[in-house]
Structures are given as structure tokens and as C-alpha cells.
């Protein structure tokens, strides 16, 4: 019996790749590099600035130039929040159905609060969510369990009666470690090198509406 559904944000609830990609292309243009197509960037969007800088510039956090590029990227992204970001098809209907059934829902993301709260506000979800946990809300972000445990406390639900839905392997690892049921969103960005069927999630879904079949309620 599932009393609460918690969602990852980027790649699960919201398709934020257009804005993240636009920020990267602005940075590429500043460096006199050609732009990348959205479909080239989409698989890296779940990994945020780290994934996109790797895709655009081939650099990692250990690179001497990384911090400077990351700051410039995030400044661009802040100015683009919600310009092209939309909820994935079926999410609006799913959340309305959860509300009608009395199943609370919330958001657990590795995106820091600086971007999470304005984005969730822009999508019209901030006042409806039972909890919003950002990447800097707890000492350790996913794949560690702390953010999900914090979300359960905030939503006043038990981990054992909660479901976490995400589009990256770290989402499933975190959910399992926190004692939640898990579902892999195969419609998302799937930034991991391994297919979602191998993540040991309790379910793999191809559309948000399939979550309703995991609730075991009428």
C-alpha cells in the first residue's frame, strides 16, 4: 500500500533539457565552439552541470577550468529557468489523480535549492507538493539515502509505504537504501551507462500513468 509518491525532478517530472541545453550552448558560443543539438545533450541533463560540461567541453570537476565554466553555466541557466522547461506528457494528469486519491506526492532532486524552488514555482507545483528536497537540503545528496529520508519526515510518511520514481541509477540506489519502493522512469534522460532494467528497481515504467498501477489502491 503506497501512501506517498516521491519524484526526481529533471528527467522524471520535468523536461528541463531545453533550458539546460540552451545554457550550455550560450557557454559554447562564448568559447567560439559550435552548438550541440538538444538530442546530443538530453542524455546528460540528469547529471546537471557536471554532465553537460562533460558533453560540451570534455571536462570533469577535477579539471582546473571546471569551476569557472560551472559558474558561468549556472548563471546562464538561472536566467533561462522555465523558458523551455515543461512537465512530461501525462505528469499533470498523474498528479491530479494522486491528489484525488489522497496520495501525497513530493520532489527529491539533486538540483540545488537556488534553482529547484523557482523552477517548481514556475511549473505551478510548489504549493501542491507535500515536500521539496533539494540537493543541498541534506549533508549528502543522492545516491545516499538522506534526502529521501528527509522527504519522508517532511511529508509525514513511512519510507516503507512510499514510492520513489527517478530516471537515473542513483535515484534507484538512493530509494532502495532509504527503504522505499522504487520505479525507474524509462521515458526520462537515462544518463546511466546501464539500462534501467538492470537497476534493480521494483518497476520500470514507460509513461507516468503507469505509476497508478503500482499503488495497490482502488
N, C-alpha and C. Protein backbone atom coordinates (compact mmCIF):
# COMPACT_ATOMS: atom_id res chain seq x y z
N UNK A 1 0.86 -1.19 0.00
CA UNK A 1 0.00 0.00 0.00
C UNK A 1 0.90 1.24 0.00
N UNK A 2 0.80 2.04 -1.02
CA UNK A 2 1.64 3.23 -1.16
C UNK A 2 0.85 4.46 -0.72
N UNK A 3 1.40 5.17 0.27
CA UNK A 3 0.76 6.38 0.78
C UNK A 3 1.35 7.65 0.18
N UNK A 4 2.53 7.55 -0.40
CA UNK A 4 3.19 8.74 -0.93
C UNK A 4 4.05 8.35 -2.13
N UNK A 5 4.10 9.24 -3.11
CA UNK A 5 4.97 9.06 -4.28
C UNK A 5 5.92 10.24 -4.33
N UNK A 6 7.20 9.94 -4.30
CA UNK A 6 8.23 10.98 -4.40
C UNK A 6 8.88 10.89 -5.78
N UNK A 7 9.17 12.04 -6.35
CA UNK A 7 9.67 12.09 -7.71
C UNK A 7 11.02 12.81 -7.77
N UNK A 8 11.92 12.30 -8.60
CA UNK A 8 13.04 13.10 -9.06
C UNK A 8 12.45 14.22 -9.93
N UNK A 9 13.21 15.29 -10.11
CA UNK A 9 12.68 16.44 -10.86
C UNK A 9 13.08 16.39 -12.34
N UNK A 10 14.36 16.64 -12.63
CA UNK A 10 14.81 16.69 -14.02
C UNK A 10 14.81 15.29 -14.64
N UNK A 11 14.06 15.13 -15.71
CA UNK A 11 14.02 13.85 -16.40
C UNK A 11 12.96 12.91 -15.89
N UNK A 12 12.24 13.29 -14.84
CA UNK A 12 11.18 12.44 -14.30
C UNK A 12 9.85 13.19 -14.26
N UNK A 13 9.83 14.31 -13.54
CA UNK A 13 8.64 15.18 -13.57
C UNK A 13 8.72 16.17 -14.73
N UNK A 14 9.88 16.79 -14.88
CA UNK A 14 10.00 17.90 -15.83
C UNK A 14 11.07 17.64 -16.88
N UNK A 15 10.77 18.03 -18.10
CA UNK A 15 11.75 18.00 -19.18
C UNK A 15 12.46 19.35 -19.19
N UNK A 16 13.55 19.43 -18.48
CA UNK A 16 14.32 20.68 -18.35
C UNK A 16 15.49 20.74 -19.31
N UNK A 17 15.65 19.72 -20.14
CA UNK A 17 16.78 19.67 -21.07
C UNK A 17 16.83 20.88 -22.01
N UNK A 18 15.70 21.42 -22.49
CA UNK A 18 15.80 22.59 -23.37
C UNK A 18 16.50 23.78 -22.73
N UNK A 19 16.21 24.06 -21.46
CA UNK A 19 16.85 25.20 -20.79
C UNK A 19 18.30 24.90 -20.41
N UNK A 20 18.55 23.68 -19.94
CA UNK A 20 19.92 23.29 -19.63
C UNK A 20 20.78 23.31 -20.89
N UNK A 21 20.21 22.80 -21.98
CA UNK A 21 20.94 22.80 -23.25
C UNK A 21 21.19 24.19 -23.78
N UNK A 22 20.22 25.07 -23.62
CA UNK A 22 20.40 26.45 -24.07
C UNK A 22 21.51 27.14 -23.29
N UNK A 23 21.60 26.85 -21.99
CA UNK A 23 22.67 27.42 -21.18
C UNK A 23 24.03 26.92 -21.65
N UNK A 24 24.11 25.63 -21.96
CA UNK A 24 25.38 25.09 -22.45
C UNK A 24 25.75 25.71 -23.79
N UNK A 25 24.79 25.88 -24.66
CA UNK A 25 25.11 26.44 -25.98
C UNK A 25 25.54 27.91 -25.88
N UNK A 26 25.01 28.64 -24.92
CA UNK A 26 25.50 30.01 -24.70
C UNK A 26 26.96 29.99 -24.28
N UNK A 27 27.30 29.05 -23.41
CA UNK A 27 28.68 28.93 -22.95
C UNK A 27 29.59 28.49 -24.10
N UNK A 28 29.13 27.56 -24.91
CA UNK A 28 29.91 27.13 -26.06
C UNK A 28 30.15 28.28 -27.02
N UNK A 29 29.12 29.10 -27.24
CA UNK A 29 29.27 30.25 -28.13
C UNK A 29 30.30 31.24 -27.60
N UNK A 30 30.30 31.46 -26.29
CA UNK A 30 31.28 32.35 -25.67
C UNK A 30 32.70 31.85 -25.88
N UNK A 31 32.84 30.54 -26.01
CA UNK A 31 34.16 29.94 -26.20
C UNK A 31 34.44 29.65 -27.68
N UNK A 32 33.62 30.22 -28.55
CA UNK A 32 33.78 30.06 -30.01
C UNK A 32 33.72 28.60 -30.44
N UNK A 33 32.84 27.85 -29.79
CA UNK A 33 32.63 26.46 -30.14
C UNK A 33 31.24 26.30 -30.75
N UNK A 34 31.07 25.32 -31.63
CA UNK A 34 29.75 25.12 -32.26
C UNK A 34 28.74 24.60 -31.26
N UNK A 35 27.47 24.90 -31.47
CA UNK A 35 26.43 24.43 -30.55
C UNK A 35 26.20 22.93 -30.69
N UNK A 36 25.62 22.34 -29.66
CA UNK A 36 25.21 20.94 -29.70
C UNK A 36 23.70 20.87 -29.91
N UNK A 37 23.27 19.84 -30.61
CA UNK A 37 21.84 19.62 -30.78
C UNK A 37 21.23 19.15 -29.45
N UNK A 38 19.97 19.47 -29.24
CA UNK A 38 19.30 19.11 -27.99
C UNK A 38 19.39 17.61 -27.73
N UNK A 39 19.22 16.81 -28.75
CA UNK A 39 19.24 15.37 -28.56
C UNK A 39 20.61 14.86 -28.14
N UNK A 40 21.67 15.60 -28.49
CA UNK A 40 23.01 15.24 -28.02
C UNK A 40 23.16 15.51 -26.53
N UNK A 41 22.48 16.54 -26.06
CA UNK A 41 22.62 16.96 -24.67
C UNK A 41 21.65 16.27 -23.73
N UNK A 42 20.51 15.83 -24.25
CA UNK A 42 19.45 15.31 -23.40
C UNK A 42 19.90 14.17 -22.47
N UNK A 43 20.68 13.18 -22.94
CA UNK A 43 21.06 12.10 -22.03
C UNK A 43 21.92 12.57 -20.85
N UNK A 44 22.53 13.75 -20.97
CA UNK A 44 23.41 14.25 -19.91
C UNK A 44 22.69 15.18 -18.93
N UNK A 45 21.42 15.48 -19.21
CA UNK A 45 20.73 16.51 -18.43
C UNK A 45 20.49 16.10 -16.99
N UNK A 46 20.29 14.80 -16.73
CA UNK A 46 20.06 14.36 -15.35
C UNK A 46 21.28 14.60 -14.47
N UNK A 47 22.45 14.68 -15.07
CA UNK A 47 23.66 14.91 -14.29
C UNK A 47 24.02 16.38 -14.20
N UNK A 48 23.09 17.25 -14.60
CA UNK A 48 23.24 18.69 -14.39
C UNK A 48 24.50 19.27 -15.00
N UNK A 49 25.08 20.23 -14.27
CA UNK A 49 26.24 20.94 -14.80
C UNK A 49 27.40 19.99 -15.07
N UNK A 50 27.59 19.01 -14.21
CA UNK A 50 28.69 18.07 -14.39
C UNK A 50 28.55 17.31 -15.70
N UNK A 51 27.35 16.80 -15.97
CA UNK A 51 27.13 16.04 -17.19
C UNK A 51 27.21 16.89 -18.44
N UNK A 52 26.66 18.09 -18.36
CA UNK A 52 26.62 18.94 -19.55
C UNK A 52 27.99 19.52 -19.89
N UNK A 53 28.76 19.88 -18.88
CA UNK A 53 30.11 20.36 -19.17
C UNK A 53 30.98 19.24 -19.73
N UNK A 54 30.74 18.03 -19.29
CA UNK A 54 31.46 16.89 -19.87
C UNK A 54 31.08 16.71 -21.33
N UNK A 55 29.79 16.88 -21.64
CA UNK A 55 29.33 16.72 -23.01
C UNK A 55 29.84 17.84 -23.92
N UNK A 56 29.85 19.06 -23.39
CA UNK A 56 30.22 20.20 -24.23
C UNK A 56 31.70 20.47 -24.32
N UNK A 57 32.41 20.22 -23.21
CA UNK A 57 33.82 20.60 -23.16
C UNK A 57 34.76 19.44 -22.81
N UNK A 58 34.19 18.29 -22.45
CA UNK A 58 35.02 17.16 -22.10
C UNK A 58 35.79 17.35 -20.81
N UNK A 59 35.25 18.15 -19.89
CA UNK A 59 35.95 18.40 -18.63
C UNK A 59 35.13 17.83 -17.47
N UNK A 60 35.84 17.54 -16.39
CA UNK A 60 35.25 16.98 -15.18
C UNK A 60 35.59 17.90 -14.01
N UNK A 61 34.95 17.66 -12.84
CA UNK A 61 35.25 18.51 -11.69
C UNK A 61 36.72 18.58 -11.30
N UNK A 62 37.53 17.62 -11.72
CA UNK A 62 38.95 17.66 -11.41
C UNK A 62 39.75 18.56 -12.32
N UNK A 63 39.13 19.08 -13.38
CA UNK A 63 39.83 19.94 -14.33
C UNK A 63 40.00 21.35 -13.75
N UNK A 64 41.14 21.98 -14.05
CA UNK A 64 41.43 23.32 -13.50
C UNK A 64 40.42 24.36 -13.96
N UNK A 65 39.84 24.19 -15.13
CA UNK A 65 38.89 25.17 -15.67
C UNK A 65 37.45 24.90 -15.24
N UNK A 66 37.22 23.80 -14.55
CA UNK A 66 35.85 23.37 -14.30
C UNK A 66 35.05 24.39 -13.49
N UNK A 67 35.60 24.88 -12.40
CA UNK A 67 34.85 25.77 -11.51
C UNK A 67 34.39 27.03 -12.24
N UNK A 68 35.26 27.60 -13.06
CA UNK A 68 34.89 28.80 -13.80
C UNK A 68 33.80 28.54 -14.81
N UNK A 69 33.93 27.44 -15.54
CA UNK A 69 32.90 27.08 -16.52
C UNK A 69 31.57 26.79 -15.81
N UNK A 70 31.64 26.11 -14.68
CA UNK A 70 30.42 25.76 -13.95
C UNK A 70 29.68 27.00 -13.50
N UNK A 71 30.39 27.98 -12.98
CA UNK A 71 29.74 29.21 -12.53
C UNK A 71 29.07 29.93 -13.69
N UNK A 72 29.76 30.03 -14.80
CA UNK A 72 29.18 30.71 -15.96
C UNK A 72 27.97 29.95 -16.50
N UNK A 73 28.06 28.63 -16.53
CA UNK A 73 26.93 27.82 -16.98
C UNK A 73 25.72 28.05 -16.09
N UNK A 74 25.92 28.00 -14.78
CA UNK A 74 24.81 28.15 -13.85
C UNK A 74 24.20 29.54 -13.89
N UNK A 75 25.01 30.55 -14.13
CA UNK A 75 24.48 31.91 -14.29
C UNK A 75 23.58 31.98 -15.51
N UNK A 76 24.02 31.38 -16.60
CA UNK A 76 23.17 31.33 -17.81
C UNK A 76 21.88 30.58 -17.52
N UNK A 77 22.02 29.42 -16.85
CA UNK A 77 20.84 28.60 -16.59
C UNK A 77 19.83 29.33 -15.71
N UNK A 78 20.31 30.06 -14.73
CA UNK A 78 19.41 30.80 -13.85
C UNK A 78 18.55 31.79 -14.63
N UNK A 79 19.13 32.38 -15.67
CA UNK A 79 18.39 33.34 -16.49
C UNK A 79 17.41 32.66 -17.44
N UNK A 80 17.55 31.34 -17.62
CA UNK A 80 16.72 30.61 -18.58
C UNK A 80 15.68 29.72 -17.91
N UNK A 81 15.66 29.70 -16.57
CA UNK A 81 14.76 28.81 -15.84
C UNK A 81 13.32 28.93 -16.35
N UNK A 82 12.75 27.80 -16.71
CA UNK A 82 11.33 27.70 -17.09
C UNK A 82 11.00 28.35 -18.43
N UNK A 83 11.98 28.75 -19.21
CA UNK A 83 11.66 29.28 -20.53
C UNK A 83 11.23 28.15 -21.47
N UNK A 84 11.91 27.03 -21.38
CA UNK A 84 11.54 25.90 -22.24
C UNK A 84 11.19 24.65 -21.47
N UNK A 85 11.28 24.69 -20.15
CA UNK A 85 11.01 23.52 -19.31
C UNK A 85 9.50 23.28 -19.18
N UNK A 86 9.10 22.04 -19.37
CA UNK A 86 7.68 21.67 -19.25
C UNK A 86 7.59 20.34 -18.52
N UNK A 87 6.42 20.04 -17.97
CA UNK A 87 6.18 18.74 -17.39
C UNK A 87 6.09 17.70 -18.51
N UNK A 88 6.59 16.52 -18.24
CA UNK A 88 6.49 15.45 -19.23
C UNK A 88 5.02 15.12 -19.50
N UNK A 89 4.70 14.68 -20.70
CA UNK A 89 3.32 14.30 -21.01
C UNK A 89 2.80 13.27 -20.01
N UNK A 90 1.62 13.53 -19.49
CA UNK A 90 0.99 12.63 -18.53
C UNK A 90 1.23 12.98 -17.08
N UNK A 91 2.21 13.84 -16.80
CA UNK A 91 2.51 14.18 -15.41
C UNK A 91 1.39 15.00 -14.78
N UNK A 92 0.87 15.98 -15.50
CA UNK A 92 -0.21 16.81 -14.97
C UNK A 92 -1.40 15.95 -14.56
N UNK A 93 -1.78 15.02 -15.43
CA UNK A 93 -2.91 14.15 -15.14
C UNK A 93 -2.60 13.22 -13.97
N UNK A 94 -1.38 12.72 -13.92
CA UNK A 94 -0.99 11.83 -12.82
C UNK A 94 -1.08 12.54 -11.48
N UNK A 95 -0.53 13.74 -11.39
CA UNK A 95 -0.55 14.46 -10.12
C UNK A 95 -1.98 14.78 -9.69
N UNK A 96 -2.82 15.12 -10.63
CA UNK A 96 -4.23 15.39 -10.31
C UNK A 96 -4.91 14.14 -9.78
N UNK A 97 -4.60 13.00 -10.38
CA UNK A 97 -5.19 11.74 -9.92
C UNK A 97 -4.69 11.37 -8.53
N UNK A 98 -3.39 11.59 -8.27
CA UNK A 98 -2.88 11.33 -6.93
C UNK A 98 -3.57 12.22 -5.90
N UNK A 99 -3.76 13.49 -6.25
CA UNK A 99 -4.47 14.39 -5.35
C UNK A 99 -5.88 13.88 -5.07
N UNK A 100 -6.57 13.44 -6.10
CA UNK A 100 -7.94 12.97 -5.94
C UNK A 100 -8.00 11.72 -5.07
N UNK A 101 -6.99 10.89 -5.16
CA UNK A 101 -6.97 9.64 -4.38
C UNK A 101 -6.44 9.86 -2.96
N UNK A 102 -5.98 11.05 -2.67
CA UNK A 102 -5.44 11.32 -1.35
C UNK A 102 -4.05 10.75 -1.13
N UNK A 103 -3.33 10.52 -2.23
CA UNK A 103 -1.94 10.04 -2.14
C UNK A 103 -1.03 11.26 -2.25
N UNK A 104 -0.31 11.54 -1.18
CA UNK A 104 0.54 12.73 -1.23
C UNK A 104 1.76 12.48 -2.12
N UNK A 105 2.33 13.54 -2.63
CA UNK A 105 3.49 13.42 -3.51
C UNK A 105 4.47 14.56 -3.24
N UNK A 106 5.72 14.30 -3.53
CA UNK A 106 6.74 15.32 -3.29
C UNK A 106 7.88 15.17 -4.28
N UNK A 107 8.88 16.02 -4.11
CA UNK A 107 10.00 16.10 -5.04
C UNK A 107 11.31 15.95 -4.28
N UNK A 108 12.18 15.09 -4.77
CA UNK A 108 13.53 14.92 -4.21
C UNK A 108 14.51 14.98 -5.37
N UNK A 109 15.31 16.03 -5.41
CA UNK A 109 16.20 16.28 -6.54
C UNK A 109 17.61 16.60 -6.05
N UNK A 110 18.59 16.38 -6.90
CA UNK A 110 19.95 16.82 -6.60
C UNK A 110 20.20 18.25 -7.06
N UNK A 111 19.23 18.85 -7.73
CA UNK A 111 19.35 20.26 -8.11
C UNK A 111 19.33 21.10 -6.84
N UNK A 112 20.22 22.07 -6.74
CA UNK A 112 20.29 22.87 -5.50
C UNK A 112 19.07 23.79 -5.39
N UNK A 113 18.80 24.21 -4.17
CA UNK A 113 17.58 24.97 -3.90
C UNK A 113 17.51 26.27 -4.71
N UNK A 114 18.65 26.87 -4.98
CA UNK A 114 18.69 28.10 -5.77
C UNK A 114 17.91 27.97 -7.08
N UNK A 115 17.93 26.76 -7.65
CA UNK A 115 17.23 26.53 -8.92
C UNK A 115 15.95 25.72 -8.73
N UNK A 116 15.93 24.86 -7.72
CA UNK A 116 14.77 23.99 -7.52
C UNK A 116 13.50 24.79 -7.24
N UNK A 117 13.56 25.66 -6.24
CA UNK A 117 12.33 26.35 -5.83
C UNK A 117 11.75 27.26 -6.91
N UNK A 118 12.56 28.07 -7.62
CA UNK A 118 11.98 28.86 -8.71
C UNK A 118 11.41 28.00 -9.83
N UNK A 119 12.08 26.88 -10.11
CA UNK A 119 11.59 26.01 -11.18
C UNK A 119 10.27 25.37 -10.79
N UNK A 120 10.19 24.83 -9.58
CA UNK A 120 8.96 24.20 -9.13
C UNK A 120 7.83 25.22 -9.05
N UNK A 121 8.18 26.44 -8.63
CA UNK A 121 7.18 27.53 -8.61
C UNK A 121 6.69 27.83 -10.02
N UNK A 122 7.60 27.91 -10.96
CA UNK A 122 7.23 28.21 -12.34
C UNK A 122 6.37 27.13 -12.97
N UNK A 123 6.54 25.91 -12.52
CA UNK A 123 5.73 24.80 -13.03
C UNK A 123 4.39 24.67 -12.31
N UNK A 124 4.17 25.53 -11.32
CA UNK A 124 2.90 25.51 -10.59
C UNK A 124 2.76 24.38 -9.59
N UNK A 125 3.89 23.85 -9.09
CA UNK A 125 3.84 22.69 -8.21
C UNK A 125 4.23 23.00 -6.77
N UNK A 126 4.78 24.16 -6.51
CA UNK A 126 5.38 24.41 -5.20
C UNK A 126 4.37 24.30 -4.06
N UNK A 127 3.20 24.84 -4.23
CA UNK A 127 2.21 24.81 -3.16
C UNK A 127 1.50 23.48 -3.05
N UNK A 128 1.60 22.65 -4.07
CA UNK A 128 0.89 21.37 -4.08
C UNK A 128 1.72 20.25 -3.50
N UNK A 129 3.03 20.34 -3.61
CA UNK A 129 3.91 19.25 -3.18
C UNK A 129 3.94 19.13 -1.66
N UNK A 130 3.91 17.90 -1.18
CA UNK A 130 3.98 17.67 0.27
C UNK A 130 5.37 17.96 0.80
N UNK A 131 6.37 17.87 -0.03
CA UNK A 131 7.75 18.18 0.37
C UNK A 131 8.56 18.47 -0.87
N UNK A 132 9.59 19.30 -0.72
CA UNK A 132 10.53 19.59 -1.79
C UNK A 132 11.92 19.53 -1.17
N UNK A 133 12.68 18.52 -1.54
CA UNK A 133 14.03 18.33 -1.01
C UNK A 133 15.02 18.55 -2.14
N UNK A 134 15.93 19.49 -1.95
CA UNK A 134 16.93 19.82 -2.96
C UNK A 134 18.26 19.15 -2.66
N UNK A 135 19.19 19.31 -3.58
CA UNK A 135 20.48 18.66 -3.43
C UNK A 135 21.29 19.17 -2.26
N UNK A 136 20.99 20.38 -1.80
CA UNK A 136 21.69 20.94 -0.65
C UNK A 136 20.81 21.00 0.60
N UNK A 137 19.72 20.23 0.61
CA UNK A 137 18.85 20.20 1.78
C UNK A 137 19.37 19.28 2.87
N UNK A 138 20.22 18.34 2.51
CA UNK A 138 20.79 17.40 3.48
C UNK A 138 22.30 17.33 3.25
N UNK A 139 23.04 16.81 4.22
CA UNK A 139 24.50 16.79 4.10
C UNK A 139 25.00 16.03 2.87
N UNK A 140 24.26 14.98 2.46
CA UNK A 140 24.67 14.20 1.31
C UNK A 140 23.49 14.05 0.35
N UNK A 141 23.75 14.23 -0.93
CA UNK A 141 22.71 14.11 -1.95
C UNK A 141 22.63 12.66 -2.44
N UNK A 142 21.67 12.37 -3.29
CA UNK A 142 21.59 11.04 -3.91
C UNK A 142 22.91 10.75 -4.64
N UNK A 143 23.42 9.54 -4.58
CA UNK A 143 22.73 8.27 -4.29
C UNK A 143 22.63 7.89 -2.82
N UNK A 144 23.00 8.78 -1.92
CA UNK A 144 22.85 8.49 -0.50
C UNK A 144 21.37 8.61 -0.11
N UNK A 145 20.94 7.91 0.94
CA UNK A 145 19.52 7.88 1.28
C UNK A 145 19.00 9.10 2.03
N UNK A 146 19.88 9.94 2.56
CA UNK A 146 19.44 11.02 3.43
C UNK A 146 18.36 11.92 2.83
N UNK A 147 18.46 12.34 1.56
CA UNK A 147 17.40 13.21 1.02
C UNK A 147 16.02 12.56 1.04
N UNK A 148 15.96 11.27 0.76
CA UNK A 148 14.67 10.59 0.74
C UNK A 148 14.13 10.39 2.15
N UNK A 149 15.00 10.12 3.09
CA UNK A 149 14.55 10.02 4.49
C UNK A 149 14.04 11.37 4.99
N UNK A 150 14.73 12.44 4.59
CA UNK A 150 14.28 13.79 4.96
C UNK A 150 12.92 14.09 4.35
N UNK A 151 12.72 13.68 3.11
CA UNK A 151 11.44 13.91 2.44
C UNK A 151 10.31 13.17 3.14
N UNK A 152 10.56 11.94 3.57
CA UNK A 152 9.53 11.18 4.27
C UNK A 152 9.16 11.84 5.60
N UNK A 153 10.16 12.37 6.28
CA UNK A 153 9.88 13.09 7.53
C UNK A 153 9.02 14.33 7.25
N UNK A 154 9.40 15.08 6.21
CA UNK A 154 8.67 16.30 5.88
C UNK A 154 7.23 16.01 5.46
N UNK A 155 7.05 14.92 4.72
CA UNK A 155 5.71 14.56 4.24
C UNK A 155 4.93 13.75 5.26
N UNK A 156 5.58 13.37 6.37
CA UNK A 156 4.97 12.60 7.44
C UNK A 156 4.45 11.25 6.93
N UNK A 157 5.33 10.56 6.20
CA UNK A 157 5.01 9.23 5.69
C UNK A 157 6.16 8.29 6.03
N UNK A 158 5.88 7.00 6.03
CA UNK A 158 6.90 6.00 6.29
C UNK A 158 7.61 5.64 4.98
N UNK A 159 8.92 5.47 5.00
CA UNK A 159 9.62 5.01 3.80
C UNK A 159 9.03 3.71 3.24
N UNK A 160 8.65 2.81 4.12
CA UNK A 160 8.15 1.50 3.68
C UNK A 160 6.83 1.59 2.93
N UNK A 161 6.11 2.72 3.07
CA UNK A 161 4.84 2.89 2.36
C UNK A 161 4.95 3.98 1.30
N UNK A 162 6.17 4.25 0.86
CA UNK A 162 6.41 5.31 -0.12
C UNK A 162 7.10 4.74 -1.35
N UNK A 163 6.90 5.41 -2.47
CA UNK A 163 7.48 5.02 -3.76
C UNK A 163 8.33 6.17 -4.27
N UNK A 164 9.55 5.87 -4.75
CA UNK A 164 10.39 6.90 -5.36
C UNK A 164 10.56 6.58 -6.84
N UNK A 165 10.34 7.60 -7.67
CA UNK A 165 10.41 7.46 -9.13
C UNK A 165 11.54 8.33 -9.65
N UNK A 166 12.46 7.73 -10.42
CA UNK A 166 13.57 8.51 -10.97
C UNK A 166 14.08 7.93 -12.27
N UNK A 167 14.84 8.73 -13.00
CA UNK A 167 15.30 8.32 -14.32
C UNK A 167 16.80 8.04 -14.36
N UNK A 168 17.43 7.92 -13.19
CA UNK A 168 18.86 7.66 -13.14
C UNK A 168 19.14 6.57 -12.12
N UNK A 169 20.20 5.82 -12.33
CA UNK A 169 20.56 4.74 -11.42
C UNK A 169 20.69 5.23 -9.99
N UNK A 170 21.24 6.42 -9.79
CA UNK A 170 21.43 6.92 -8.42
C UNK A 170 20.08 7.10 -7.71
N UNK A 171 19.01 7.37 -8.46
CA UNK A 171 17.69 7.50 -7.84
C UNK A 171 17.25 6.18 -7.23
N UNK A 172 17.47 5.12 -7.98
CA UNK A 172 17.05 3.79 -7.50
C UNK A 172 17.93 3.35 -6.34
N UNK A 173 19.23 3.61 -6.44
CA UNK A 173 20.14 3.26 -5.35
C UNK A 173 19.74 3.98 -4.06
N UNK A 174 19.44 5.28 -4.18
CA UNK A 174 19.04 6.07 -3.01
C UNK A 174 17.71 5.58 -2.44
N UNK A 175 16.76 5.32 -3.31
CA UNK A 175 15.45 4.87 -2.86
C UNK A 175 15.53 3.54 -2.12
N UNK A 176 16.27 2.62 -2.69
CA UNK A 176 16.41 1.31 -2.05
C UNK A 176 17.12 1.44 -0.70
N UNK A 177 18.17 2.27 -0.66
CA UNK A 177 18.91 2.45 0.59
C UNK A 177 18.05 3.06 1.69
N UNK A 178 17.08 3.89 1.29
CA UNK A 178 16.21 4.54 2.26
C UNK A 178 15.00 3.68 2.64
N UNK A 179 14.83 2.53 1.99
CA UNK A 179 13.74 1.64 2.33
C UNK A 179 12.44 1.91 1.59
N UNK A 180 12.50 2.68 0.47
CA UNK A 180 11.31 2.95 -0.33
C UNK A 180 11.20 1.93 -1.45
N UNK A 181 9.99 1.73 -1.95
CA UNK A 181 9.81 1.06 -3.22
C UNK A 181 10.32 2.00 -4.31
N UNK A 182 10.74 1.45 -5.44
CA UNK A 182 11.33 2.29 -6.48
C UNK A 182 10.78 1.96 -7.85
N UNK A 183 10.73 2.98 -8.70
CA UNK A 183 10.33 2.80 -10.10
C UNK A 183 11.28 3.60 -10.98
N UNK A 184 11.80 2.96 -12.02
CA UNK A 184 12.69 3.63 -12.96
C UNK A 184 11.87 4.21 -14.10
N UNK A 185 12.03 5.51 -14.34
CA UNK A 185 11.29 6.21 -15.39
C UNK A 185 12.04 6.06 -16.71
N UNK A 186 11.66 5.05 -17.50
CA UNK A 186 12.35 4.77 -18.75
C UNK A 186 12.07 5.82 -19.82
N UNK A 187 11.12 6.72 -19.58
CA UNK A 187 10.83 7.80 -20.52
C UNK A 187 11.76 9.00 -20.30
N UNK A 188 12.60 8.95 -19.24
CA UNK A 188 13.42 10.10 -18.87
C UNK A 188 14.75 10.14 -19.60
N UNK A 189 15.72 10.79 -18.99
CA UNK A 189 17.00 11.04 -19.66
C UNK A 189 17.92 9.83 -19.63
N UNK A 190 17.83 9.00 -18.60
CA UNK A 190 18.59 7.75 -18.52
C UNK A 190 20.08 7.99 -18.73
N UNK A 191 20.63 8.86 -17.89
CA UNK A 191 22.03 9.23 -18.05
C UNK A 191 23.02 8.14 -17.71
N UNK A 192 22.57 7.06 -17.05
CA UNK A 192 23.48 5.98 -16.68
C UNK A 192 23.89 5.18 -17.91
N UNK A 193 25.05 4.54 -17.84
CA UNK A 193 25.52 3.69 -18.93
C UNK A 193 24.80 2.35 -18.96
N UNK A 194 24.07 2.04 -17.90
CA UNK A 194 23.37 0.76 -17.82
C UNK A 194 21.88 0.96 -18.06
N UNK A 195 21.21 0.01 -18.69
CA UNK A 195 19.77 0.15 -18.96
C UNK A 195 18.96 0.08 -17.68
N UNK A 196 17.81 0.76 -17.63
CA UNK A 196 17.01 0.80 -16.41
C UNK A 196 16.55 -0.57 -15.93
N UNK A 197 16.44 -1.51 -16.83
CA UNK A 197 16.03 -2.85 -16.43
C UNK A 197 17.04 -3.55 -15.54
N UNK A 198 18.27 -3.03 -15.50
CA UNK A 198 19.31 -3.64 -14.68
C UNK A 198 19.53 -2.90 -13.37
N UNK A 199 18.72 -1.89 -13.08
CA UNK A 199 18.95 -1.06 -11.89
C UNK A 199 18.38 -1.67 -10.62
N UNK A 200 17.68 -2.78 -10.71
CA UNK A 200 17.05 -3.44 -9.57
C UNK A 200 15.93 -2.60 -8.96
N UNK A 201 15.28 -1.80 -9.78
CA UNK A 201 14.08 -1.11 -9.34
C UNK A 201 12.93 -2.11 -9.21
N UNK A 202 11.94 -1.75 -8.41
CA UNK A 202 10.78 -2.63 -8.26
C UNK A 202 9.92 -2.64 -9.52
N UNK A 203 10.04 -1.58 -10.32
CA UNK A 203 9.28 -1.50 -11.57
C UNK A 203 10.01 -0.57 -12.53
N UNK A 204 9.78 -0.79 -13.81
CA UNK A 204 10.26 0.10 -14.86
C UNK A 204 9.03 0.60 -15.61
N UNK A 205 8.88 1.90 -15.71
CA UNK A 205 7.68 2.46 -16.34
C UNK A 205 8.06 3.24 -17.59
N UNK A 206 7.18 3.17 -18.58
CA UNK A 206 7.40 3.88 -19.84
C UNK A 206 6.56 5.14 -19.95
N UNK A 207 5.67 5.36 -19.00
CA UNK A 207 4.79 6.54 -19.01
C UNK A 207 4.39 6.83 -17.56
N UNK A 208 4.27 8.12 -17.20
CA UNK A 208 3.90 8.45 -15.82
C UNK A 208 2.61 7.79 -15.33
N UNK A 209 1.64 7.57 -16.22
CA UNK A 209 0.37 7.00 -15.80
C UNK A 209 0.54 5.61 -15.21
N UNK A 210 1.60 4.91 -15.57
CA UNK A 210 1.82 3.56 -15.07
C UNK A 210 2.07 3.54 -13.56
N UNK A 211 2.40 4.67 -12.99
CA UNK A 211 2.61 4.75 -11.54
C UNK A 211 1.33 4.38 -10.80
N UNK A 212 0.19 4.72 -11.36
CA UNK A 212 -1.08 4.42 -10.70
C UNK A 212 -1.26 2.93 -10.47
N UNK A 213 -0.74 2.13 -11.38
CA UNK A 213 -0.85 0.68 -11.22
C UNK A 213 0.06 0.11 -10.15
N UNK A 214 0.97 0.95 -9.62
CA UNK A 214 1.88 0.49 -8.58
C UNK A 214 1.38 0.82 -7.17
N UNK A 215 0.25 1.51 -7.07
CA UNK A 215 -0.22 1.99 -5.77
C UNK A 215 -0.97 0.93 -4.97
N UNK A 216 -1.53 -0.06 -5.65
CA UNK A 216 -2.29 -1.11 -4.98
C UNK A 216 -3.46 -0.54 -4.20
N UNK A 217 -4.09 0.50 -4.77
CA UNK A 217 -5.30 1.04 -4.14
C UNK A 217 -6.35 1.22 -5.23
N UNK A 218 -7.58 1.26 -4.83
CA UNK A 218 -8.68 1.44 -5.79
C UNK A 218 -8.89 2.93 -6.05
